[in-house]
Amino acid sequence: MGRSLVQPIAQAILDSGGRILTDVTVSQIDWHDDQMAALTYHQGSSGRSVPFWATANPILNANATSDSIRFLWRGE
């Protein structure tokens, strides 16, 4: 084994004509019909501070067996 899950995912992105951007800060994601429609990002060390927040999932957290584990969004 010894193979990362990231490698086949990255290859699938490239094989389908997508691009992989490195050293970027995503500042906005626009959705349309439950799919990503647009992405705004800043490349390099622009010094921009982009806030990040995540909503806790109360249903999954109600069943958590430890106070140190918290599930966000759908539990990914």
PDB file of N, CA and C in Angstrom:
ATOM      1  N   MET A   1       0.842  -1.188   0.000  1.00  0.00           N
ATOM      2  CA  MET A   1       0.000   0.000   0.000  1.00  0.00           C
ATOM      3  C   MET A   1       0.882   1.243   0.000  1.00  0.00           C
ATOM      4  N   GLY A   2       0.918   1.980   1.090  1.00  0.00           N
ATOM      5  CA  GLY A   2       1.770   3.145   1.194  1.00  0.00           C
ATOM      6  C   GLY A   2       1.400   4.280   0.257  1.00  0.00           C
ATOM      7  N   ARG A   3       0.210   4.259  -0.296  1.00  0.00           N
ATOM      8  CA  ARG A   3      -0.189   5.286  -1.255  1.00  0.00           C
ATOM      9  C   ARG A   3      -1.234   6.192  -0.618  1.00  0.00           C
ATOM     10  N   SER A   4      -1.048   7.470  -0.784  1.00  0.00           N
ATOM     11  CA  SER A   4      -1.960   8.441  -0.205  1.00  0.00           C
ATOM     12  C   SER A   4      -3.276   8.474  -0.972  1.00  0.00           C
ATOM     13  N   LEU A   5      -4.357   8.733  -0.273  1.00  0.00           N
ATOM     14  CA  LEU A   5      -5.658   8.897  -0.911  1.00  0.00           C
ATOM     15  C   LEU A   5      -5.674  10.156  -1.779  1.00  0.00           C
ATOM     16  N   VAL A   6      -4.819  11.110  -1.458  1.00  0.00           N
ATOM     17  CA  VAL A   6      -4.773  12.365  -2.200  1.00  0.00           C
ATOM     18  C   VAL A   6      -4.306  12.151  -3.635  1.00  0.00           C
ATOM     19  N   GLN A   7      -3.371  11.257  -3.847  1.00  0.00           N
ATOM     20  CA  GLN A   7      -2.816  11.051  -5.186  1.00  0.00           C
ATOM     21  C   GLN A   7      -3.867  10.645  -6.217  1.00  0.00           C
ATOM     22  N   PRO A   8      -4.700   9.633  -5.974  1.00  0.00           N
ATOM     23  CA  PRO A   8      -5.712   9.302  -6.983  1.00  0.00           C
ATOM     24  C   PRO A   8      -6.770  10.388  -7.157  1.00  0.00           C
ATOM     25  N   ILE A   9      -7.081  11.105  -6.096  1.00  0.00           N
ATOM     26  CA  ILE A   9      -8.045  12.204  -6.211  1.00  0.00           C
ATOM     27  C   ILE A   9      -7.459  13.309  -7.078  1.00  0.00           C
ATOM     28  N   ALA A  10      -6.197  13.662  -6.843  1.00  0.00           N
ATOM     29  CA  ALA A  10      -5.533  14.689  -7.642  1.00  0.00           C
ATOM     30  C   ALA A  10      -5.448  14.265  -9.099  1.00  0.00           C
ATOM     31  N   GLN A  11      -5.139  13.010  -9.354  1.00  0.00           N
ATOM     32  CA  GLN A  11      -5.044  12.529 -10.728  1.00  0.00           C
ATOM     33  C   GLN A  11      -6.403  12.579 -11.421  1.00  0.00           C
ATOM     34  N   ALA A  12      -7.459  12.252 -10.700  1.00  0.00           N
ATOM     35  CA  ALA A  12      -8.808  12.314 -11.274  1.00  0.00           C
ATOM     36  C   ALA A  12      -9.183  13.748 -11.637  1.00  0.00           C
ATOM     37  N   ILE A  13      -8.774  14.700 -10.816  1.00  0.00           N
ATOM     38  CA  ILE A  13      -9.026  16.115 -11.120  1.00  0.00           C
ATOM     39  C   ILE A  13      -8.317  16.508 -12.410  1.00  0.00           C
ATOM     40  N   LEU A  14      -7.054  16.140 -12.527  1.00  0.00           N
ATOM     41  CA  LEU A  14      -6.275  16.465 -13.722  1.00  0.00           C
ATOM     42  C   LEU A  14      -6.821  15.746 -14.953  1.00  0.00           C
ATOM     43  N   ASP A  15      -7.196  14.484 -14.804  1.00  0.00           N
ATOM     44  CA  ASP A  15      -7.715  13.698 -15.926  1.00  0.00           C
ATOM     45  C   ASP A  15      -9.020  14.259 -16.480  1.00  0.00           C
ATOM     46  N   SER A  16      -9.790  14.926 -15.618  1.00  0.00           N
ATOM     47  CA  SER A  16     -11.070  15.480 -16.069  1.00  0.00           C
ATOM     48  C   SER A  16     -10.942  16.932 -16.524  1.00  0.00           C
ATOM     49  N   GLY A  17      -9.693  17.398 -16.671  1.00  0.00           N
ATOM     50  CA  GLY A  17      -9.480  18.753 -17.182  1.00  0.00           C
ATOM     51  C   GLY A  17      -9.411  19.828 -16.123  1.00  0.00           C
ATOM     52  N   GLY A  18      -9.424  19.432 -14.865  1.00  0.00           N
ATOM     53  CA  GLY A  18      -9.349  20.406 -13.787  1.00  0.00           C
ATOM     54  C   GLY A  18      -7.929  20.853 -13.518  1.00  0.00           C
ATOM     55  N   ARG A  19      -7.800  21.853 -12.671  1.00  0.00           N
ATOM     56  CA  ARG A  19      -6.495  22.359 -12.264  1.00  0.00           C
ATOM     57  C   ARG A  19      -6.362  22.237 -10.755  1.00  0.00           C
ATOM     58  N   ILE A  20      -5.152  22.041 -10.302  1.00  0.00           N
ATOM     59  CA  ILE A  20      -4.873  22.013  -8.865  1.00  0.00           C
ATOM     60  C   ILE A  20      -4.058  23.257  -8.550  1.00  0.00           C
ATOM     61  N   LEU A  21      -4.590  24.081  -7.671  1.00  0.00           N
ATOM     62  CA  LEU A  21      -3.933  25.329  -7.302  1.00  0.00           C
ATOM     63  C   LEU A  21      -3.239  25.147  -5.958  1.00  0.00           C
ATOM     64  N   THR A  22      -1.986  25.547  -5.890  1.00  0.00           N
ATOM     65  CA  THR A  22      -1.249  25.479  -4.630  1.00  0.00           C
ATOM     66  C   THR A  22      -0.905  26.896  -4.189  1.00  0.00           C
ATOM     67  N   ASP A  23      -0.625  27.038  -2.920  1.00  0.00           N
ATOM     68  CA  ASP A  23      -0.254  28.326  -2.335  1.00  0.00           C
ATOM     69  C   ASP A  23      -1.338  29.372  -2.595  1.00  0.00           C
ATOM     70  N   VAL A  24      -2.592  29.001  -2.341  1.00  0.00           N
ATOM     71  CA  VAL A  24      -3.701  29.936  -2.509  1.00  0.00           C
ATOM     72  C   VAL A  24      -4.504  30.011  -1.218  1.00  0.00           C
ATOM     73  N   THR A  25      -5.193  31.134  -1.060  1.00  0.00           N
ATOM     74  CA  THR A  25      -6.127  31.323   0.037  1.00  0.00           C
ATOM     75  C   THR A  25      -7.497  31.542  -0.572  1.00  0.00           C
ATOM     76  N   VAL A  26      -8.420  30.647  -0.306  1.00  0.00           N
ATOM     77  CA  VAL A  26      -9.778  30.769  -0.829  1.00  0.00           C
ATOM     78  C   VAL A  26     -10.542  31.757   0.035  1.00  0.00           C
ATOM     79  N   SER A  27     -11.140  32.757  -0.604  1.00  0.00           N
ATOM     80  CA  SER A  27     -11.877  33.765   0.154  1.00  0.00           C
ATOM     81  C   SER A  27     -13.380  33.702  -0.068  1.00  0.00           C
ATOM     82  N   GLN A  28     -13.821  33.009  -1.131  1.00  0.00           N
ATOM     83  CA  GLN A  28     -15.260  32.914  -1.368  1.00  0.00           C
ATOM     84  C   GLN A  28     -15.562  31.724  -2.274  1.00  0.00           C
ATOM     85  N   ILE A  29     -16.629  31.023  -1.950  1.00  0.00           N
ATOM     86  CA  ILE A  29     -17.137  29.939  -2.791  1.00  0.00           C
ATOM     87  C   ILE A  29     -18.603  30.238  -3.069  1.00  0.00           C
ATOM     88  N   ASP A  30     -18.956  30.321  -4.346  1.00  0.00           N
ATOM     89  CA  ASP A  30     -20.339  30.570  -4.739  1.00  0.00           C
ATOM     90  C   ASP A  30     -20.974  29.258  -5.191  1.00  0.00           C
ATOM     91  N   TRP A  31     -22.204  29.008  -4.715  1.00  0.00           N
ATOM     92  CA  TRP A  31     -22.909  27.762  -5.009  1.00  0.00           C
ATOM     93  C   TRP A  31     -24.128  28.036  -5.861  1.00  0.00           C
ATOM     94  N   HIS A  32     -24.439  27.105  -6.745  1.00  0.00           N
ATOM     95  CA  HIS A  32     -25.649  27.170  -7.561  1.00  0.00           C
ATOM     96  C   HIS A  32     -26.158  25.752  -7.742  1.00  0.00           C
ATOM     97  N   ASP A  33     -27.395  25.502  -7.362  1.00  0.00           N
ATOM     98  CA  ASP A  33     -27.995  24.165  -7.446  1.00  0.00           C
ATOM     99  C   ASP A  33     -27.133  23.109  -6.765  1.00  0.00           C
ATOM    100  N   ASP A  34     -26.667  23.415  -5.558  1.00  0.00           N
ATOM    101  CA  ASP A  34     -25.866  22.496  -4.744  1.00  0.00           C
ATOM    102  C   ASP A  34     -24.538  22.099  -5.387  1.00  0.00           C
ATOM    103  N   GLN A  35     -24.032  22.915  -6.293  1.00  0.00           N
ATOM    104  CA  GLN A  35     -22.722  22.675  -6.885  1.00  0.00           C
ATOM    105  C   GLN A  35     -21.913  23.960  -6.855  1.00  0.00           C
ATOM    106  N   MET A  36     -20.601  23.811  -6.755  1.00  0.00           N
ATOM    107  CA  MET A  36     -19.735  24.966  -6.753  1.00  0.00           C
ATOM    108  C   MET A  36     -19.783  25.625  -8.131  1.00  0.00           C
ATOM    109  N   ALA A  37     -20.137  26.909  -8.162  1.00  0.00           N
ATOM    110  CA  ALA A  37     -20.254  27.637  -9.424  1.00  0.00           C
ATOM    111  C   ALA A  37     -19.050  28.547  -9.665  1.00  0.00           C
ATOM    112  N   ALA A  38     -18.466  29.064  -8.599  1.00  0.00           N
ATOM    113  CA  ALA A  38     -17.331  29.977  -8.737  1.00  0.00           C
ATOM    114  C   ALA A  38     -16.497  29.950  -7.472  1.00  0.00           C
ATOM    115  N   LEU A  39     -15.242  30.291  -7.637  1.00  0.00           N
ATOM    116  CA  LEU A  39     -14.295  30.277  -6.527  1.00  0.00           C
ATOM    117  C   LEU A  39     -13.433  31.531  -6.619  1.00  0.00           C
ATOM    118  N   THR A  40     -13.322  32.269  -5.526  1.00  0.00           N
ATOM    119  CA  THR A  40     -12.455  33.434  -5.477  1.00  0.00           C
ATOM    120  C   THR A  40     -11.273  33.092  -4.588  1.00  0.00           C
ATOM    121  N   TYR A  41     -10.063  33.328  -5.093  1.00  0.00           N
ATOM    122  CA  TYR A  41      -8.874  32.992  -4.317  1.00  0.00           C
ATOM    123  C   TYR A  41      -7.783  34.029  -4.544  1.00  0.00           C
ATOM    124  N   HIS A  42      -6.822  34.029  -3.635  1.00  0.00           N
ATOM    125  CA  HIS A  42      -5.655  34.902  -3.712  1.00  0.00           C
ATOM    126  C   HIS A  42      -4.433  33.999  -3.714  1.00  0.00           C
ATOM    127  N   GLN A  43      -3.539  34.222  -4.664  1.00  0.00           N
ATOM    128  CA  GLN A  43      -2.384  33.340  -4.797  1.00  0.00           C
ATOM    129  C   GLN A  43      -1.148  33.996  -4.194  1.00  0.00           C
ATOM    130  N   GLY A  44      -0.296  33.145  -3.611  1.00  0.00           N
ATOM    131  CA  GLY A  44       0.944  33.626  -3.014  1.00  0.00           C
ATOM    132  C   GLY A  44       0.720  34.179  -1.628  1.00  0.00           C
ATOM    133  N   SER A  45       1.705  34.861  -1.142  1.00  0.00           N
ATOM    134  CA  SER A  45       1.619  35.416   0.216  1.00  0.00           C
ATOM    135  C   SER A  45       1.114  36.846   0.138  1.00  0.00           C
ATOM    136  N   SER A  46      -0.177  36.978  -0.128  1.00  0.00           N
ATOM    137  CA  SER A  46      -0.777  38.302  -0.269  1.00  0.00           C
ATOM    138  C   SER A  46      -0.949  38.999   1.068  1.00  0.00           C
ATOM    139  N   GLY A  47      -0.819  38.243   2.154  1.00  0.00           N
ATOM    140  CA  GLY A  47      -1.000  38.833   3.475  1.00  0.00           C
ATOM    141  C   GLY A  47      -2.453  39.029   3.841  1.00  0.00           C
ATOM    142  N   ARG A  48      -3.355  38.575   2.979  1.00  0.00           N
ATOM    143  CA  ARG A  48      -4.775  38.721   3.274  1.00  0.00           C
ATOM    144  C   ARG A  48      -5.191  37.719   4.342  1.00  0.00           C
ATOM    145  N   SER A  49      -5.972  38.196   5.252  1.00  0.00           N
ATOM    146  CA  SER A  49      -6.509  37.334   6.298  1.00  0.00           C
ATOM    147  C   SER A  49      -7.935  36.963   5.906  1.00  0.00           C
ATOM    148  N   VAL A  50      -8.194  35.691   5.770  1.00  0.00           N
ATOM    149  CA  VAL A  50      -9.518  35.228   5.373  1.00  0.00           C
ATOM    150  C   VAL A  50     -10.139  34.507   6.560  1.00  0.00           C
ATOM    151  N   PRO A  51     -11.309  34.982   7.023  1.00  0.00           N
ATOM    152  CA  PRO A  51     -11.939  34.307   8.165  1.00  0.00           C
ATOM    153  C   PRO A  51     -12.419  32.921   7.770  1.00  0.00           C
ATOM    154  N   PHE A  52     -12.387  32.023   8.727  1.00  0.00           N
ATOM    155  CA  PHE A  52     -12.878  30.661   8.512  1.00  0.00           C
ATOM    156  C   PHE A  52     -13.741  30.290   9.692  1.00  0.00           C
ATOM    157  N   TRP A  53     -14.898  29.768   9.405  1.00  0.00           N
ATOM    158  CA  TRP A  53     -15.755  29.282  10.476  1.00  0.00           C
ATOM    159  C   TRP A  53     -16.455  28.011  10.017  1.00  0.00           C
ATOM    160  N   ALA A  54     -16.826  27.232  10.976  1.00  0.00           N
ATOM    161  CA  ALA A  54     -17.519  25.978  10.691  1.00  0.00           C
ATOM    162  C   ALA A  54     -18.636  25.819  11.708  1.00  0.00           C
ATOM    163  N   THR A  55     -19.738  25.330  11.248  1.00  0.00           N
ATOM    164  CA  THR A  55     -20.896  25.129  12.108  1.00  0.00           C
ATOM    165  C   THR A  55     -20.867  23.721  12.697  1.00  0.00           C
ATOM    166  N   ALA A  56     -21.026  23.627  13.998  1.00  0.00           N
ATOM    167  CA  ALA A  56     -21.052  22.319  14.652  1.00  0.00           C
ATOM    168  C   ALA A  56     -22.344  21.598  14.312  1.00  0.00           C
ATOM    169  N   ASN A  57     -22.277  20.285  14.262  1.00  0.00           N
ATOM    170  CA  ASN A  57     -23.441  19.461  13.973  1.00  0.00           C
ATOM    171  C   ASN A  57     -24.010  18.965  15.302  1.00  0.00           C
ATOM    172  N   PRO A  58     -25.131  19.533  15.760  1.00  0.00           N
ATOM    173  CA  PRO A  58     -25.662  19.169  17.080  1.00  0.00           C
ATOM    174  C   PRO A  58     -26.113  17.716  17.181  1.00  0.00           C
ATOM    175  N   ILE A  59     -26.559  17.141  16.089  1.00  0.00           N
ATOM    176  CA  ILE A  59     -27.031  15.745  16.129  1.00  0.00           C
ATOM    177  C   ILE A  59     -25.861  14.794  16.345  1.00  0.00           C
ATOM    178  N   LEU A  60     -24.783  14.976  15.569  1.00  0.00           N
ATOM    179  CA  LEU A  60     -23.613  14.108  15.742  1.00  0.00           C
ATOM    180  C   LEU A  60     -22.919  14.359  17.075  1.00  0.00           C
ATOM    181  N   ASN A  61     -22.869  15.619  17.502  1.00  0.00           N
ATOM    182  CA  ASN A  61     -22.193  15.932  18.760  1.00  0.00           C
ATOM    183  C   ASN A  61     -22.965  15.427  19.974  1.00  0.00           C
ATOM    184  N   ALA A  62     -24.265  15.266  19.851  1.00  0.00           N
ATOM    185  CA  ALA A  62     -25.059  14.734  20.968  1.00  0.00           C
ATOM    186  C   ALA A  62     -24.669  13.296  21.270  1.00  0.00           C
ATOM    187  N   ASN A  63     -24.171  12.583  20.261  1.00  0.00           N
ATOM    188  CA  ASN A  63     -23.783  11.186  20.433  1.00  0.00           C
ATOM    189  C   ASN A  63     -22.271  10.995  20.579  1.00  0.00           C
ATOM    190  N   ALA A  64     -21.530  12.086  20.653  1.00  0.00           N
ATOM    191  CA  ALA A  64     -20.071  11.990  20.773  1.00  0.00           C
ATOM    192  C   ALA A  64     -19.706  11.338  22.101  1.00  0.00           C
ATOM    193  N   THR A  65     -18.711  10.480  22.075  1.00  0.00           N
ATOM    194  CA  THR A  65     -18.323   9.751  23.287  1.00  0.00           C
ATOM    195  C   THR A  65     -17.223  10.462  24.059  1.00  0.00           C
ATOM    196  N   SER A  66     -16.743  11.588  23.536  1.00  0.00           N
ATOM    197  CA  SER A  66     -15.661  12.304  24.203  1.00  0.00           C
ATOM    198  C   SER A  66     -15.879  13.800  24.034  1.00  0.00           C
ATOM    199  N   ASP A  67     -15.539  14.568  25.068  1.00  0.00           N
ATOM    200  CA  ASP A  67     -15.658  16.020  24.977  1.00  0.00           C
ATOM    201  C   ASP A  67     -14.628  16.615  24.016  1.00  0.00           C
ATOM    202  N   SER A  68     -13.572  15.866  23.700  1.00  0.00           N
ATOM    203  CA  SER A  68     -12.526  16.393  22.827  1.00  0.00           C
ATOM    204  C   SER A  68     -12.850  16.185  21.349  1.00  0.00           C
ATOM    205  N   ILE A  69     -13.935  15.465  21.050  1.00  0.00           N
ATOM    206  CA  ILE A  69     -14.324  15.223  19.658  1.00  0.00           C
ATOM    207  C   ILE A  69     -15.543  16.082  19.338  1.00  0.00           C
ATOM    208  N   ARG A  70     -15.447  16.863  18.280  1.00  0.00           N
ATOM    209  CA  ARG A  70     -16.578  17.670  17.819  1.00  0.00           C
ATOM    210  C   ARG A  70     -16.718  17.476  16.313  1.00  0.00           C
ATOM    211  N   PHE A  71     -17.942  17.215  15.886  1.00  0.00           N
ATOM    212  CA  PHE A  71     -18.219  17.034  14.470  1.00  0.00           C
ATOM    213  C   PHE A  71     -18.735  18.340  13.881  1.00  0.00           C
ATOM    214  N   LEU A  72     -18.291  18.651  12.678  1.00  0.00           N
ATOM    215  CA  LEU A  72     -18.705  19.868  11.991  1.00  0.00           C
ATOM    216  C   LEU A  72     -19.494  19.502  10.751  1.00  0.00           C
ATOM    217  N   TRP A  73     -20.351  20.404  10.326  1.00  0.00           N
ATOM    218  CA  TRP A  73     -21.164  20.220   9.124  1.00  0.00           C
ATOM    219  C   TRP A  73     -21.788  18.841   9.062  1.00  0.00           C
ATOM    220  N   ARG A  74     -21.449  18.046   8.063  1.00  0.00           N
ATOM    221  CA  ARG A  74     -22.043  16.712   7.921  1.00  0.00           C
ATOM    222  C   ARG A  74     -21.234  15.636   8.629  1.00  0.00           C
ATOM    223  N   GLY A  75     -20.203  16.006   9.305  1.00  0.00           N
ATOM    224  CA  GLY A  75     -19.410  15.044  10.053  1.00  0.00           C
ATOM    225  C   GLY A  75     -18.151  14.598   9.356  1.00  0.00           C
ATOM    226  N   GLU A  76     -17.813  15.226   8.229  1.00  0.00           N
ATOM    227  CA  GLU A  76     -16.597  14.825   7.526  1.00  0.00           C
ATOM    228  C   GLU A  76     -15.449  15.104   8.430  1.00  0.00           C
TER     229      GLU A  76
END
